């Protein structure tokens, strides 16, 4: 509820929206997390925190190929971003693409 209040008060803060969506996903509210992310991405379509959170959400829902696309999108701009590299590694593992 703390995140919900903060996110509602500051809808333009992408990092806050990403944190809220992550909390929702961890609590099992995947659909609501998706809604929060889609609204935030409409405002800030290239925000790294939002894109990484979408990737993590895709991993959580078993959509590893879609997750990989999100992490690759981040890595195209920030090739050394650890959280995106980690997410990419998890996605590749889930896809059985271990050599990559």
PDB file of N, CA and C in Angstrom:
ATOM      1  N   UNK A   1       0.823  -1.200   0.000  1.00  0.00           N
ATOM      2  CA  UNK A   1       0.000   0.000   0.000  1.00  0.00           C
ATOM      3  C   UNK A   1       0.862   1.257   0.000  1.00  0.00           C
ATOM      4  N   UNK A   2       2.044   1.156   0.602  1.00  0.00           N
ATOM      5  CA  UNK A   2       2.963   2.286   0.615  1.00  0.00           C
ATOM      6  C   UNK A   2       3.403   2.630  -0.811  1.00  0.00           C
ATOM      7  N   UNK A   3       3.777   1.595  -1.576  1.00  0.00           N
ATOM      8  CA  UNK A   3       4.150   1.811  -2.974  1.00  0.00           C
ATOM      9  C   UNK A   3       2.971   2.333  -3.784  1.00  0.00           C
ATOM     10  N   UNK A   4       1.802   1.796  -3.538  1.00  0.00           N
ATOM     11  CA  UNK A   4       0.613   2.213  -4.287  1.00  0.00           C
ATOM     12  C   UNK A   4       0.351   3.693  -4.087  1.00  0.00           C
ATOM     13  N   UNK A   5       0.439   4.164  -2.864  1.00  0.00           N
ATOM     14  CA  UNK A   5       0.204   5.583  -2.576  1.00  0.00           C
ATOM     15  C   UNK A   5       1.270   6.449  -3.237  1.00  0.00           C
ATOM     16  N   UNK A   6       2.519   6.037  -3.138  1.00  0.00           N
ATOM     17  CA  UNK A   6       3.607   6.813  -3.740  1.00  0.00           C
ATOM     18  C   UNK A   6       3.480   6.835  -5.259  1.00  0.00           C
ATOM     19  N   UNK A   7       3.148   5.694  -5.854  1.00  0.00           N
ATOM     20  CA  UNK A   7       3.009   5.612  -7.311  1.00  0.00           C
ATOM     21  C   UNK A   7       1.845   6.456  -7.796  1.00  0.00           C
ATOM     22  N   UNK A   8       0.757   6.460  -7.045  1.00  0.00           N
ATOM     23  CA  UNK A   8      -0.404   7.269  -7.423  1.00  0.00           C
ATOM     24  C   UNK A   8      -0.096   8.759  -7.306  1.00  0.00           C
ATOM     25  N   UNK A   9       0.702   9.122  -6.322  1.00  0.00           N
ATOM     26  CA  UNK A   9       1.037  10.533  -6.107  1.00  0.00           C
ATOM     27  C   UNK A   9       2.011  11.061  -7.156  1.00  0.00           C
ATOM     28  N   UNK A  10       2.849  10.172  -7.714  1.00  0.00           N
ATOM     29  CA  UNK A  10       3.866  10.604  -8.673  1.00  0.00           C
ATOM     30  C   UNK A  10       3.888   9.682  -9.895  1.00  0.00           C
ATOM     31  N   UNK A  11       2.864   9.744 -10.724  1.00  0.00           N
ATOM     32  CA  UNK A  11       2.789   8.831 -11.869  1.00  0.00           C
ATOM     33  C   UNK A  11       3.892   9.056 -12.912  1.00  0.00           C
ATOM     34  N   UNK A  12       4.534  10.194 -12.900  1.00  0.00           N
ATOM     35  CA  UNK A  12       5.585  10.488 -13.871  1.00  0.00           C
ATOM     36  C   UNK A  12       6.958   9.975 -13.479  1.00  0.00           C
ATOM     37  N   UNK A  13       7.103   9.451 -12.275  1.00  0.00           N
ATOM     38  CA  UNK A  13       8.396   8.914 -11.825  1.00  0.00           C
ATOM     39  C   UNK A  13       8.504   7.449 -12.229  1.00  0.00           C
ATOM     40  N   UNK A  14       9.183   7.221 -13.335  1.00  0.00           N
ATOM     41  CA  UNK A  14       9.276   5.880 -13.906  1.00  0.00           C
ATOM     42  C   UNK A  14       9.906   4.880 -12.940  1.00  0.00           C
ATOM     43  N   UNK A  15      10.949   5.282 -12.244  1.00  0.00           N
ATOM     44  CA  UNK A  15      11.613   4.360 -11.326  1.00  0.00           C
ATOM     45  C   UNK A  15      10.667   3.912 -10.203  1.00  0.00           C
ATOM     46  N   UNK A  16       9.857   4.830  -9.731  1.00  0.00           N
ATOM     47  CA  UNK A  16       8.878   4.507  -8.696  1.00  0.00           C
ATOM     48  C   UNK A  16       7.808   3.562  -9.245  1.00  0.00           C
ATOM     49  N   UNK A  17       7.371   3.810 -10.467  1.00  0.00           N
ATOM     50  CA  UNK A  17       6.379   2.931 -11.088  1.00  0.00           C
ATOM     51  C   UNK A  17       6.947   1.531 -11.285  1.00  0.00           C
ATOM     52  N   UNK A  18       8.225   1.445 -11.673  1.00  0.00           N
ATOM     53  CA  UNK A  18       8.878   0.145 -11.841  1.00  0.00           C
ATOM     54  C   UNK A  18       8.949  -0.598 -10.511  1.00  0.00           C
ATOM     55  N   UNK A  19       9.292   0.118  -9.449  1.00  0.00           N
ATOM     56  CA  UNK A  19       9.367  -0.505  -8.121  1.00  0.00           C
ATOM     57  C   UNK A  19       7.991  -1.000  -7.679  1.00  0.00           C
ATOM     58  N   UNK A  20       6.970  -0.211  -7.932  1.00  0.00           N
ATOM     59  CA  UNK A  20       5.610  -0.604  -7.579  1.00  0.00           C
ATOM     60  C   UNK A  20       5.195  -1.846  -8.360  1.00  0.00           C
ATOM     61  N   UNK A  21       5.455  -1.850  -9.653  1.00  0.00           N
ATOM     62  CA  UNK A  21       5.108  -3.012 -10.479  1.00  0.00           C
ATOM     63  C   UNK A  21       5.861  -4.255 -10.009  1.00  0.00           C
ATOM     64  N   UNK A  22       7.127  -4.094  -9.648  1.00  0.00           N
ATOM     65  CA  UNK A  22       7.901  -5.221  -9.145  1.00  0.00           C
ATOM     66  C   UNK A  22       7.312  -5.777  -7.862  1.00  0.00           C
ATOM     67  N   UNK A  23       6.890  -4.889  -6.967  1.00  0.00           N
ATOM     68  CA  UNK A  23       6.263  -5.324  -5.709  1.00  0.00           C
ATOM     69  C   UNK A  23       4.955  -6.056  -5.985  1.00  0.00           C
ATOM     70  N   UNK A  24       4.187  -5.537  -6.924  1.00  0.00           N
ATOM     71  CA  UNK A  24       2.932  -6.208  -7.281  1.00  0.00           C
ATOM     72  C   UNK A  24       3.195  -7.602  -7.823  1.00  0.00           C
ATOM     73  N   UNK A  25       4.177  -7.716  -8.701  1.00  0.00           N
ATOM     74  CA  UNK A  25       4.499  -9.021  -9.292  1.00  0.00           C
ATOM     75  C   UNK A  25       4.955 -10.005  -8.222  1.00  0.00           C
ATOM     76  N   UNK A  26       5.812  -9.551  -7.305  1.00  0.00           N
ATOM     77  CA  UNK A  26       6.279 -10.433  -6.236  1.00  0.00           C
ATOM     78  C   UNK A  26       5.134 -10.891  -5.343  1.00  0.00           C
ATOM     79  N   UNK A  27       4.103 -10.067  -5.225  1.00  0.00           N
ATOM     80  CA  UNK A  27       2.935 -10.413  -4.412  1.00  0.00           C
ATOM     81  C   UNK A  27       1.932 -11.270  -5.190  1.00  0.00           C
ATOM     82  N   UNK A  28       2.239 -11.553  -6.458  1.00  0.00           N
ATOM     83  CA  UNK A  28       1.360 -12.395  -7.261  1.00  0.00           C
ATOM     84  C   UNK A  28       0.328 -11.641  -8.066  1.00  0.00           C
ATOM     85  N   UNK A  29       0.389 -10.319  -8.057  1.00  0.00           N
ATOM     86  CA  UNK A  29      -0.561  -9.492  -8.805  1.00  0.00           C
ATOM     87  C   UNK A  29       0.034  -9.118 -10.165  1.00  0.00           C
ATOM     88  N   UNK A  30       0.254 -10.132 -10.973  1.00  0.00           N
ATOM     89  CA  UNK A  30       0.922  -9.949 -12.258  1.00  0.00           C
ATOM     90  C   UNK A  30       0.125  -9.050 -13.201  1.00  0.00           C
ATOM     91  N   UNK A  31      -1.168  -9.248 -13.247  1.00  0.00           N
ATOM     92  CA  UNK A  31      -2.013  -8.449 -14.135  1.00  0.00           C
ATOM     93  C   UNK A  31      -1.959  -6.966 -13.761  1.00  0.00           C
ATOM     94  N   UNK A  32      -2.028  -6.686 -12.479  1.00  0.00           N
ATOM     95  CA  UNK A  32      -1.962  -5.292 -12.028  1.00  0.00           C
ATOM     96  C   UNK A  32      -0.578  -4.710 -12.303  1.00  0.00           C
ATOM     97  N   UNK A  33       0.458  -5.516 -12.109  1.00  0.00           N
ATOM     98  CA  UNK A  33       1.823  -5.061 -12.407  1.00  0.00           C
ATOM     99  C   UNK A  33       1.941  -4.707 -13.883  1.00  0.00           C
ATOM    100  N   UNK A  34       1.362  -5.532 -14.728  1.00  0.00           N
ATOM    101  CA  UNK A  34       1.376  -5.276 -16.178  1.00  0.00           C
ATOM    102  C   UNK A  34       0.691  -3.955 -16.497  1.00  0.00           C
ATOM    103  N   UNK A  35      -0.433  -3.694 -15.866  1.00  0.00           N
ATOM    104  CA  UNK A  35      -1.162  -2.440 -16.086  1.00  0.00           C
ATOM    105  C   UNK A  35      -0.316  -1.223 -15.684  1.00  0.00           C
ATOM    106  N   UNK A  36       0.316  -1.313 -14.520  1.00  0.00           N
ATOM    107  CA  UNK A  36       1.166  -0.222 -14.040  1.00  0.00           C
ATOM    108  C   UNK A  36       2.291   0.035 -15.034  1.00  0.00           C
ATOM    109  N   UNK A  37       2.927  -1.034 -15.505  1.00  0.00           N
ATOM    110  CA  UNK A  37       4.036  -0.884 -16.447  1.00  0.00           C
ATOM    111  C   UNK A  37       3.585  -0.305 -17.780  1.00  0.00           C
ATOM    112  N   UNK A  38       2.446  -0.749 -18.276  1.00  0.00           N
ATOM    113  CA  UNK A  38       1.974  -0.227 -19.563  1.00  0.00           C
ATOM    114  C   UNK A  38       1.664   1.267 -19.482  1.00  0.00           C
ATOM    115  N   UNK A  39       1.052   1.697 -18.384  1.00  0.00           N
ATOM    116  CA  UNK A  39       0.787   3.134 -18.208  1.00  0.00           C
ATOM    117  C   UNK A  39       2.088   3.917 -18.103  1.00  0.00           C
ATOM    118  N   UNK A  40       3.037   3.387 -17.356  1.00  0.00           N
ATOM    119  CA  UNK A  40       4.317   4.079 -17.181  1.00  0.00           C
ATOM    120  C   UNK A  40       5.099   4.124 -18.494  1.00  0.00           C
ATOM    121  N   UNK A  41       5.067   3.039 -19.254  1.00  0.00           N
ATOM    122  CA  UNK A  41       5.767   3.016 -20.541  1.00  0.00           C
ATOM    123  C   UNK A  41       5.136   3.959 -21.555  1.00  0.00           C
ATOM    124  N   UNK A  42       3.852   4.200 -21.425  1.00  0.00           N
ATOM    125  CA  UNK A  42       3.201   5.164 -22.309  1.00  0.00           C
ATOM    126  C   UNK A  42       3.777   6.564 -22.073  1.00  0.00           C
ATOM    127  N   UNK A  43       4.165   6.847 -20.832  1.00  0.00           N
ATOM    128  CA  UNK A  43       4.757   8.140 -20.488  1.00  0.00           C
ATOM    129  C   UNK A  43       6.253   8.192 -20.788  1.00  0.00           C
ATOM    130  N   UNK A  44       6.931   7.065 -20.545  1.00  0.00           N
ATOM    131  CA  UNK A  44       8.395   7.000 -20.668  1.00  0.00           C
ATOM    132  C   UNK A  44       8.796   5.715 -21.385  1.00  0.00           C
ATOM    133  N   UNK A  45       8.615   5.665 -22.699  1.00  0.00           N
ATOM    134  CA  UNK A  45       8.806   4.403 -23.422  1.00  0.00           C
ATOM    135  C   UNK A  45      10.238   3.861 -23.446  1.00  0.00           C
ATOM    136  N   UNK A  46      11.218   4.690 -23.165  1.00  0.00           N
ATOM    137  CA  UNK A  46      12.608   4.233 -23.221  1.00  0.00           C
ATOM    138  C   UNK A  46      13.271   4.171 -21.857  1.00  0.00           C
ATOM    139  N   UNK A  47      12.472   4.207 -20.802  1.00  0.00           N
ATOM    140  CA  UNK A  47      13.048   4.189 -19.461  1.00  0.00           C
ATOM    141  C   UNK A  47      13.605   2.802 -19.139  1.00  0.00           C
ATOM    142  N   UNK A  48      14.872   2.766 -18.789  1.00  0.00           N
ATOM    143  CA  UNK A  48      15.561   1.506 -18.532  1.00  0.00           C
ATOM    144  C   UNK A  48      14.941   0.720 -17.386  1.00  0.00           C
ATOM    145  N   UNK A  49      14.616   1.375 -16.292  1.00  0.00           N
ATOM    146  CA  UNK A  49      14.037   0.673 -15.137  1.00  0.00           C
ATOM    147  C   UNK A  49      12.724  -0.001 -15.521  1.00  0.00           C
ATOM    148  N   UNK A  50      11.923   0.682 -16.304  1.00  0.00           N
ATOM    149  CA  UNK A  50      10.644   0.108 -16.732  1.00  0.00           C
ATOM    150  C   UNK A  50      10.858  -1.090 -17.652  1.00  0.00           C
ATOM    151  N   UNK A  51      11.774  -0.967 -18.581  1.00  0.00           N
ATOM    152  CA  UNK A  51      12.028  -2.050 -19.536  1.00  0.00           C
ATOM    153  C   UNK A  51      12.575  -3.279 -18.825  1.00  0.00           C
ATOM    154  N   UNK A  52      13.487  -3.061 -17.885  1.00  0.00           N
ATOM    155  CA  UNK A  52      14.026  -4.179 -17.108  1.00  0.00           C
ATOM    156  C   UNK A  52      12.909  -4.844 -16.304  1.00  0.00           C
ATOM    157  N   UNK A  53      12.026  -4.055 -15.736  1.00  0.00           N
ATOM    158  CA  UNK A  53      10.925  -4.615 -14.956  1.00  0.00           C
ATOM    159  C   UNK A  53       9.980  -5.412 -15.843  1.00  0.00           C
ATOM    160  N   UNK A  54       9.749  -4.947 -17.047  1.00  0.00           N
ATOM    161  CA  UNK A  54       8.943  -5.721 -18.005  1.00  0.00           C
ATOM    162  C   UNK A  54       9.642  -7.056 -18.284  1.00  0.00           C
ATOM    163  N   UNK A  55      10.942  -7.013 -18.493  1.00  0.00           N
ATOM    164  CA  UNK A  55      11.694  -8.247 -18.723  1.00  0.00           C
ATOM    165  C   UNK A  55      11.562  -9.219 -17.568  1.00  0.00           C
ATOM    166  N   UNK A  56      11.689  -8.720 -16.363  1.00  0.00           N
ATOM    167  CA  UNK A  56      11.541  -9.580 -15.182  1.00  0.00           C
ATOM    168  C   UNK A  56      10.132 -10.156 -15.083  1.00  0.00           C
ATOM    169  N   UNK A  57       9.146  -9.329 -15.408  1.00  0.00           N
ATOM    170  CA  UNK A  57       7.766  -9.801 -15.378  1.00  0.00           C
ATOM    171  C   UNK A  57       7.564 -10.902 -16.408  1.00  0.00           C
ATOM    172  N   UNK A  58       8.163 -10.731 -17.582  1.00  0.00           N
ATOM    173  CA  UNK A  58       8.056 -11.759 -18.622  1.00  0.00           C
ATOM    174  C   UNK A  58       8.710 -13.060 -18.161  1.00  0.00           C
ATOM    175  N   UNK A  59       9.837 -12.964 -17.463  1.00  0.00           N
ATOM    176  CA  UNK A  59      10.463 -14.172 -16.924  1.00  0.00           C
ATOM    177  C   UNK A  59       9.531 -14.851 -15.934  1.00  0.00           C
ATOM    178  N   UNK A  60       8.912 -14.063 -15.077  1.00  0.00           N
ATOM    179  CA  UNK A  60       8.011 -14.594 -14.050  1.00  0.00           C
ATOM    180  C   UNK A  60       6.827 -15.333 -14.676  1.00  0.00           C
ATOM    181  N   UNK A  61       6.377 -14.868 -15.832  1.00  0.00           N
ATOM    182  CA  UNK A  61       5.206 -15.476 -16.467  1.00  0.00           C
ATOM    183  C   UNK A  61       5.580 -16.548 -17.495  1.00  0.00           C
ATOM    184  N   UNK A  62       6.870 -16.849 -17.612  1.00  0.00           N
ATOM    185  CA  UNK A  62       7.302 -17.907 -18.513  1.00  0.00           C
ATOM    186  C   UNK A  62       7.499 -17.487 -19.950  1.00  0.00           C
ATOM    187  N   UNK A  63       7.503 -16.193 -20.203  1.00  0.00           N
ATOM    188  CA  UNK A  63       7.692 -15.691 -21.568  1.00  0.00           C
ATOM    189  C   UNK A  63       9.158 -15.287 -21.756  1.00  0.00           C
ATOM    190  N   UNK A  64      10.034 -16.301 -21.757  1.00  0.00           N
ATOM    191  CA  UNK A  64      11.475 -16.044 -21.798  1.00  0.00           C
ATOM    192  C   UNK A  64      11.915 -15.333 -23.074  1.00  0.00           C
ATOM    193  N   UNK A  65      11.316 -15.662 -24.199  1.00  0.00           N
ATOM    194  CA  UNK A  65      11.696 -15.016 -25.468  1.00  0.00           C
ATOM    195  C   UNK A  65      11.381 -13.518 -25.418  1.00  0.00           C
ATOM    196  N   UNK A  66      10.215 -13.176 -24.890  1.00  0.00           N
ATOM    197  CA  UNK A  66       9.835 -11.765 -24.747  1.00  0.00           C
ATOM    198  C   UNK A  66      10.741 -11.067 -23.732  1.00  0.00           C
ATOM    199  N   UNK A  67      11.083 -11.766 -22.669  1.00  0.00           N
ATOM    200  CA  UNK A  67      11.989 -11.195 -21.665  1.00  0.00           C
ATOM    201  C   UNK A  67      13.341 -10.896 -22.302  1.00  0.00           C
ATOM    202  N   UNK A  68      13.836 -11.840 -23.073  1.00  0.00           N
ATOM    203  CA  UNK A  68      15.122 -11.668 -23.744  1.00  0.00           C
ATOM    204  C   UNK A  68      15.120 -10.425 -24.622  1.00  0.00           C
ATOM    205  N   UNK A  69      14.035 -10.208 -25.337  1.00  0.00           N
ATOM    206  CA  UNK A  69      13.928  -9.024 -26.204  1.00  0.00           C
ATOM    207  C   UNK A  69      14.015  -7.734 -25.375  1.00  0.00           C
ATOM    208  N   UNK A  70      13.397  -7.729 -24.193  1.00  0.00           N
ATOM    209  CA  UNK A  70      13.446  -6.538 -23.344  1.00  0.00           C
ATOM    210  C   UNK A  70      14.859  -6.290 -22.829  1.00  0.00           C
ATOM    211  N   UNK A  71      15.522  -7.349 -22.367  1.00  0.00           N
ATOM    212  CA  UNK A  71      16.881  -7.187 -21.854  1.00  0.00           C
ATOM    213  C   UNK A  71      17.844  -6.785 -22.967  1.00  0.00           C
ATOM    214  N   UNK A  72      17.669  -7.356 -24.158  1.00  0.00           N
ATOM    215  CA  UNK A  72      18.516  -6.968 -25.294  1.00  0.00           C
ATOM    216  C   UNK A  72      18.302  -5.502 -25.655  1.00  0.00           C
ATOM    217  N   UNK A  73      17.091  -5.046 -25.534  1.00  0.00           N
ATOM    218  CA  UNK A  73      16.774  -3.638 -25.809  1.00  0.00           C
ATOM    219  C   UNK A  73      17.561  -2.716 -24.865  1.00  0.00           C
ATOM    220  N   UNK A  74      17.608  -3.079 -23.602  1.00  0.00           N
ATOM    221  CA  UNK A  74      18.365  -2.295 -22.622  1.00  0.00           C
ATOM    222  C   UNK A  74      19.855  -2.381 -22.918  1.00  0.00           C
ATOM    223  N   UNK A  75      20.335  -3.585 -23.195  1.00  0.00           N
ATOM    224  CA  UNK A  75      21.764  -3.790 -23.417  1.00  0.00           C
ATOM    225  C   UNK A  75      22.267  -3.121 -24.685  1.00  0.00           C
ATOM    226  N   UNK A  76      21.403  -2.876 -25.643  1.00  0.00           N
ATOM    227  CA  UNK A  76      21.802  -2.154 -26.857  1.00  0.00           C
ATOM    228  C   UNK A  76      22.254  -0.737 -26.503  1.00  0.00           C
ATOM    229  N   UNK A  77      21.672  -0.173 -25.450  1.00  0.00           N
ATOM    230  CA  UNK A  77      22.026   1.187 -25.021  1.00  0.00           C
ATOM    231  C   UNK A  77      23.042   1.193 -23.884  1.00  0.00           C
ATOM    232  N   UNK A  78      22.979   0.173 -23.037  1.00  0.00           N
ATOM    233  CA  UNK A  78      23.849   0.097 -21.854  1.00  0.00           C
ATOM    234  C   UNK A  78      24.417  -1.316 -21.753  1.00  0.00           C
ATOM    235  N   UNK A  79      25.444  -1.622 -22.543  1.00  0.00           N
ATOM    236  CA  UNK A  79      25.930  -2.996 -22.654  1.00  0.00           C
ATOM    237  C   UNK A  79      26.506  -3.602 -21.378  1.00  0.00           C
ATOM    238  N   UNK A  80      26.779  -2.792 -20.389  1.00  0.00           N
ATOM    239  CA  UNK A  80      27.372  -3.321 -19.161  1.00  0.00           C
ATOM    240  C   UNK A  80      26.403  -3.313 -17.980  1.00  0.00           C
ATOM    241  N   UNK A  81      25.140  -3.055 -18.224  1.00  0.00           N
ATOM    242  CA  UNK A  81      24.173  -2.985 -17.129  1.00  0.00           C
ATOM    243  C   UNK A  81      23.969  -4.378 -16.537  1.00  0.00           C
ATOM    244  N   UNK A  82      24.413  -4.538 -15.297  1.00  0.00           N
ATOM    245  CA  UNK A  82      24.424  -5.852 -14.651  1.00  0.00           C
ATOM    246  C   UNK A  82      23.047  -6.490 -14.563  1.00  0.00           C
ATOM    247  N   UNK A  83      22.036  -5.716 -14.200  1.00  0.00           N
ATOM    248  CA  UNK A  83      20.698  -6.301 -14.032  1.00  0.00           C
ATOM    249  C   UNK A  83      20.145  -6.800 -15.370  1.00  0.00           C
ATOM    250  N   UNK A  84      20.449  -6.118 -16.450  1.00  0.00           N
ATOM    251  CA  UNK A  84      20.000  -6.560 -17.773  1.00  0.00           C
ATOM    252  C   UNK A  84      20.812  -7.772 -18.238  1.00  0.00           C
ATOM    253  N   UNK A  85      22.107  -7.786 -17.942  1.00  0.00           N
ATOM    254  CA  UNK A  85      22.931  -8.944 -18.286  1.00  0.00           C
ATOM    255  C   UNK A  85      22.454 -10.179 -17.520  1.00  0.00           C
ATOM    256  N   UNK A  86      22.140 -10.004 -16.256  1.00  0.00           N
ATOM    257  CA  UNK A  86      21.631 -11.107 -15.449  1.00  0.00           C
ATOM    258  C   UNK A  86      20.308 -11.622 -16.005  1.00  0.00           C
ATOM    259  N   UNK A  87      19.389 -10.711 -16.295  1.00  0.00           N
ATOM    260  CA  UNK A  87      18.101 -11.100 -16.856  1.00  0.00           C
ATOM    261  C   UNK A  87      18.253 -11.819 -18.181  1.00  0.00           C
ATOM    262  N   UNK A  88      19.171 -11.317 -18.998  1.00  0.00           N
ATOM    263  CA  UNK A  88      19.426 -11.957 -20.291  1.00  0.00           C
ATOM    264  C   UNK A  88      19.932 -13.377 -20.085  1.00  0.00           C
ATOM    265  N   UNK A  89      20.827 -13.546 -19.124  1.00  0.00           N
ATOM    266  CA  UNK A  89      21.354 -14.874 -18.834  1.00  0.00           C
ATOM    267  C   UNK A  89      20.272 -15.832 -18.380  1.00  0.00           C
ATOM    268  N   UNK A  90      19.373 -15.374 -17.541  1.00  0.00           N
ATOM    269  CA  UNK A  90      18.269 -16.215 -17.071  1.00  0.00           C
ATOM    270  C   UNK A  90      17.363 -16.588 -18.248  1.00  0.00           C
ATOM    271  N   UNK A  91      17.045 -15.605 -19.074  1.00  0.00           N
ATOM    272  CA  UNK A  91      16.182 -15.875 -20.231  1.00  0.00           C
ATOM    273  C   UNK A  91      16.827 -16.894 -21.165  1.00  0.00           C
ATOM    274  N   UNK A  92      18.115 -16.718 -21.459  1.00  0.00           N
ATOM    275  CA  UNK A  92      18.805 -17.664 -22.333  1.00  0.00           C
ATOM    276  C   UNK A  92      18.828 -19.060 -21.716  1.00  0.00           C
ATOM    277  N   UNK A  93      19.039 -19.142 -20.417  1.00  0.00           N
ATOM    278  CA  UNK A  93      19.028 -20.433 -19.735  1.00  0.00           C
ATOM    279  C   UNK A  93      17.662 -21.100 -19.878  1.00  0.00           C
ATOM    280  N   UNK A  94      16.601 -20.333 -19.637  1.00  0.00           N
ATOM    281  CA  UNK A  94      15.253 -20.890 -19.750  1.00  0.00           C
ATOM    282  C   UNK A  94      14.944 -21.347 -21.180  1.00  0.00           C
ATOM    283  N   UNK A  95      15.559 -20.689 -22.142  1.00  0.00           N
ATOM    284  CA  UNK A  95      15.343 -21.059 -23.543  1.00  0.00           C
ATOM    285  C   UNK A  95      16.255 -22.201 -23.989  1.00  0.00           C
ATOM    286  N   UNK A  96      17.150 -22.636 -23.088  1.00  0.00           N
ATOM    287  CA  UNK A  96      18.068 -23.719 -23.427  1.00  0.00           C
ATOM    288  C   UNK A  96      19.212 -23.284 -24.307  1.00  0.00           C
ATOM    289  N   UNK A  97      19.450 -21.993 -24.382  1.00  0.00           N
ATOM    290  CA  UNK A  97      20.504 -21.440 -25.227  1.00  0.00           C
ATOM    291  C   UNK A  97      21.740 -21.175 -24.358  1.00  0.00           C
ATOM    292  N   UNK A  98      22.262 -22.233 -23.779  1.00  0.00           N
ATOM    293  CA  UNK A  98      23.326 -22.133 -22.782  1.00  0.00           C
ATOM    294  C   UNK A  98      24.642 -21.605 -23.338  1.00  0.00           C
ATOM    295  N   UNK A  99      24.945 -21.891 -24.560  1.00  0.00           N
ATOM    296  CA  UNK A  99      26.207 -21.440 -25.136  1.00  0.00           C
ATOM    297  C   UNK A  99      26.288 -19.922 -25.232  1.00  0.00           C
ATOM    298  N   UNK A 100      25.134 -19.290 -25.393  1.00  0.00           N
ATOM    299  CA  UNK A 100      25.117 -17.829 -25.473  1.00  0.00           C
ATOM    300  C   UNK A 100      25.309 -17.221 -24.110  1.00  0.00           C
TER     301      UNK A 100
END
